[in-house]
Amino acid sequence: MTYAQVRGVWTAARERAGVGRVTIHQLRHTFATTLLRGGASILTVQRLLGHVHLESTLRYAQVSNSLVFDDVAAVARRLKEGVQGYRPDVELLAAAWPRRAGAR
């Protein structure tokens, strides 16, 4: 398939779906980010995208401070359940990973 043919197929698919001017690159970015937010490992995403170098995958996978905070809080909850007497310092966690206005 030529580039022009791929572009024509993509344009027709977008129009049928009613999604406007979405690029294939945006679709790949969304795919990678959705996988990571769903719990997939960065190595799995790397393989699915066909990247040889992990650095290429990391460009697609933007992780926000709020996601990092949520992951740290989840680990703290697991530790609390598994270690008798463990009490995570939630204020310390919040200070380390603040949720900024507008952060995803």
C-alpha atoms as a PDB file:
ATOM      1  CA  MET A   1       0.000   0.000   0.000  1.00  0.00           C
ATOM      2  CA  THR A   2       1.281   3.451  -0.818  1.00  0.00           C
ATOM      3  CA  TYR A   3       1.239   6.366   1.608  1.00  0.00           C
ATOM      4  CA  ALA A   4      -1.549   7.998  -0.413  1.00  0.00           C
ATOM      5  CA  GLN A   5      -3.658   4.821  -0.175  1.00  0.00           C
ATOM      6  CA  VAL A   6      -3.152   4.538   3.583  1.00  0.00           C
ATOM      7  CA  ARG A   7      -4.045   8.191   3.983  1.00  0.00           C
ATOM      8  CA  GLY A   8      -7.210   7.713   1.907  1.00  0.00           C
ATOM      9  CA  VAL A   9      -8.311   4.671   3.942  1.00  0.00           C
ATOM     10  CA  TRP A  10      -7.617   6.517   7.206  1.00  0.00           C
ATOM     11  CA  THR A  11      -9.535   9.612   6.070  1.00  0.00           C
ATOM     12  CA  ALA A  12     -12.542   7.513   5.041  1.00  0.00           C
ATOM     13  CA  ALA A  13     -12.494   5.613   8.363  1.00  0.00           C
ATOM     14  CA  ARG A  14     -12.346   8.881  10.346  1.00  0.00           C
ATOM     15  CA  GLU A  15     -15.264  10.321   8.418  1.00  0.00           C
ATOM     16  CA  ARG A  16     -17.371   7.176   8.940  1.00  0.00           C
ATOM     17  CA  ALA A  17     -16.581   7.254  12.657  1.00  0.00           C
ATOM     18  CA  GLY A  18     -17.268  10.980  12.911  1.00  0.00           C
ATOM     19  CA  VAL A  19     -14.087  11.694  14.869  1.00  0.00           C
ATOM     20  CA  GLY A  20     -12.815  14.698  12.944  1.00  0.00           C
ATOM     21  CA  ARG A  21      -9.152  15.327  12.212  1.00  0.00           C
ATOM     22  CA  VAL A  22      -7.497  12.625  14.309  1.00  0.00           C
ATOM     23  CA  THR A  23      -4.093  11.445  13.128  1.00  0.00           C
ATOM     24  CA  ILE A  24      -2.694   7.922  13.267  1.00  0.00           C
ATOM     25  CA  HIS A  25       0.044   9.286  15.522  1.00  0.00           C
ATOM     26  CA  GLN A  26      -2.589  10.558  17.977  1.00  0.00           C
ATOM     27  CA  LEU A  27      -4.243   7.147  17.888  1.00  0.00           C
ATOM     28  CA  ARG A  28      -0.930   5.417  18.742  1.00  0.00           C
ATOM     29  CA  HIS A  29      -0.313   7.887  21.582  1.00  0.00           C
ATOM     30  CA  THR A  30      -3.791   7.303  23.007  1.00  0.00           C
ATOM     31  CA  PHE A  31      -3.383   3.530  22.662  1.00  0.00           C
ATOM     32  CA  ALA A  32      -0.072   3.570  24.573  1.00  0.00           C
ATOM     33  CA  THR A  33      -1.336   5.902  27.300  1.00  0.00           C
ATOM     34  CA  THR A  34      -4.568   3.920  27.748  1.00  0.00           C
ATOM     35  CA  LEU A  35      -2.623   0.663  28.104  1.00  0.00           C
ATOM     36  CA  LEU A  36      -0.319   2.173  30.728  1.00  0.00           C
ATOM     37  CA  ARG A  37      -3.176   3.715  32.695  1.00  0.00           C
ATOM     38  CA  GLY A  38      -4.873   0.322  32.581  1.00  0.00           C
ATOM     39  CA  GLY A  39      -1.882  -1.297  34.251  1.00  0.00           C
ATOM     40  CA  ALA A  40       0.099  -2.661  31.292  1.00  0.00           C
ATOM     41  CA  SER A  41       3.863  -2.654  31.721  1.00  0.00           C
ATOM     42  CA  ILE A  42       5.970  -0.253  29.684  1.00  0.00           C
ATOM     43  CA  LEU A  43       7.724  -3.282  28.160  1.00  0.00           C
ATOM     44  CA  THR A  44       4.409  -4.684  26.916  1.00  0.00           C
ATOM     45  CA  VAL A  45       3.532  -1.337  25.345  1.00  0.00           C
ATOM     46  CA  GLN A  46       7.006  -1.163  23.776  1.00  0.00           C
ATOM     47  CA  ARG A  47       6.472  -4.530  22.149  1.00  0.00           C
ATOM     48  CA  LEU A  48       2.947  -3.738  20.948  1.00  0.00           C
ATOM     49  CA  LEU A  49       4.137  -0.509  19.340  1.00  0.00           C
ATOM     50  CA  GLY A  50       7.073  -2.305  17.729  1.00  0.00           C
ATOM     51  CA  HIS A  51       9.738  -0.094  19.273  1.00  0.00           C
ATOM     52  CA  VAL A  52      13.307  -1.374  19.513  1.00  0.00           C
ATOM     53  CA  HIS A  53      14.329   1.274  22.051  1.00  0.00           C
ATOM     54  CA  LEU A  54      12.387   1.912  25.260  1.00  0.00           C
ATOM     55  CA  GLU A  55      13.050   5.655  24.901  1.00  0.00           C
ATOM     56  CA  SER A  56      10.761   5.692  21.846  1.00  0.00           C
ATOM     57  CA  THR A  57       7.906   4.209  23.877  1.00  0.00           C
ATOM     58  CA  LEU A  58       8.423   6.643  26.739  1.00  0.00           C
ATOM     59  CA  ARG A  59       7.647   9.532  24.365  1.00  0.00           C
ATOM     60  CA  TYR A  60       4.146   8.150  23.882  1.00  0.00           C
ATOM     61  CA  ALA A  61       3.604   7.318  27.527  1.00  0.00           C
ATOM     62  CA  GLN A  62       3.120  10.526  29.441  1.00  0.00           C
ATOM     63  CA  VAL A  63       2.411   9.776  33.083  1.00  0.00           C
ATOM     64  CA  SER A  64       0.946  12.577  35.140  1.00  0.00           C
ATOM     65  CA  ASN A  65       1.686  13.426  38.777  1.00  0.00           C
ATOM     66  CA  SER A  66      -1.816  12.360  39.772  1.00  0.00           C
ATOM     67  CA  LEU A  67      -1.255   8.881  38.321  1.00  0.00           C
ATOM     68  CA  VAL A  68       2.059   8.605  40.168  1.00  0.00           C
ATOM     69  CA  PHE A  69       0.363   9.707  43.406  1.00  0.00           C
ATOM     70  CA  ASP A  70      -2.405   7.141  42.886  1.00  0.00           C
ATOM     71  CA  ASP A  71       0.171   4.368  42.320  1.00  0.00           C
ATOM     72  CA  VAL A  72       2.131   5.315  45.443  1.00  0.00           C
ATOM     73  CA  ALA A  73      -1.072   5.450  47.497  1.00  0.00           C
ATOM     74  CA  ALA A  74      -2.097   2.008  46.190  1.00  0.00           C
ATOM     75  CA  VAL A  75       1.254   0.534  47.235  1.00  0.00           C
ATOM     76  CA  ALA A  76       0.911   2.174  50.650  1.00  0.00           C
ATOM     77  CA  ARG A  77      -2.537   0.569  51.051  1.00  0.00           C
ATOM     78  CA  ARG A  78      -1.134  -2.842  50.092  1.00  0.00           C
ATOM     79  CA  LEU A  79       1.703  -2.439  52.568  1.00  0.00           C
ATOM     80  CA  LYS A  80      -0.714  -1.430  55.290  1.00  0.00           C
ATOM     81  CA  GLU A  81      -2.785  -4.554  54.659  1.00  0.00           C
ATOM     82  CA  GLY A  82       0.264  -6.807  54.562  1.00  0.00           C
ATOM     83  CA  VAL A  83       2.461  -5.371  57.321  1.00  0.00           C
ATOM     84  CA  GLN A  84       0.971  -5.309  60.799  1.00  0.00           C
ATOM     85  CA  GLY A  85       1.311  -1.906  62.405  1.00  0.00           C
ATOM     86  CA  TYR A  86       2.368  -0.126  59.184  1.00  0.00           C
ATOM     87  CA  ARG A  87       0.829   3.315  58.835  1.00  0.00           C
ATOM     88  CA  PRO A  88       1.624   5.215  55.616  1.00  0.00           C
ATOM     89  CA  ASP A  89       2.111   8.924  56.091  1.00  0.00           C
ATOM     90  CA  VAL A  90      -0.448  10.198  53.600  1.00  0.00           C
ATOM     91  CA  GLU A  91       0.568  13.827  54.144  1.00  0.00           C
ATOM     92  CA  LEU A  92       4.170  12.932  53.297  1.00  0.00           C
ATOM     93  CA  LEU A  93       2.994  11.152  50.142  1.00  0.00           C
ATOM     94  CA  ALA A  94       0.860  14.143  49.167  1.00  0.00           C
ATOM     95  CA  ALA A  95       3.804  16.499  49.658  1.00  0.00           C
ATOM     96  CA  ALA A  96       6.079  14.273  47.577  1.00  0.00           C
ATOM     97  CA  TRP A  97       3.595  13.994  44.665  1.00  0.00           C
ATOM     98  CA  PRO A  98       1.307  17.029  44.714  1.00  0.00           C
ATOM     99  CA  ARG A  99      -1.748  17.090  42.503  1.00  0.00           C
ATOM    100  CA  ARG A 100      -1.378  20.227  40.490  1.00  0.00           C
ATOM    101  CA  ALA A 101      -4.271  22.132  39.010  1.00  0.00           C
ATOM    102  CA  GLY A 102      -4.721  20.948  35.442  1.00  0.00           C
ATOM    103  CA  ALA A 103      -2.613  17.802  35.893  1.00  0.00           C
ATOM    104  CA  ARG A 104      -3.978  14.681  34.236  1.00  0.00           C
END
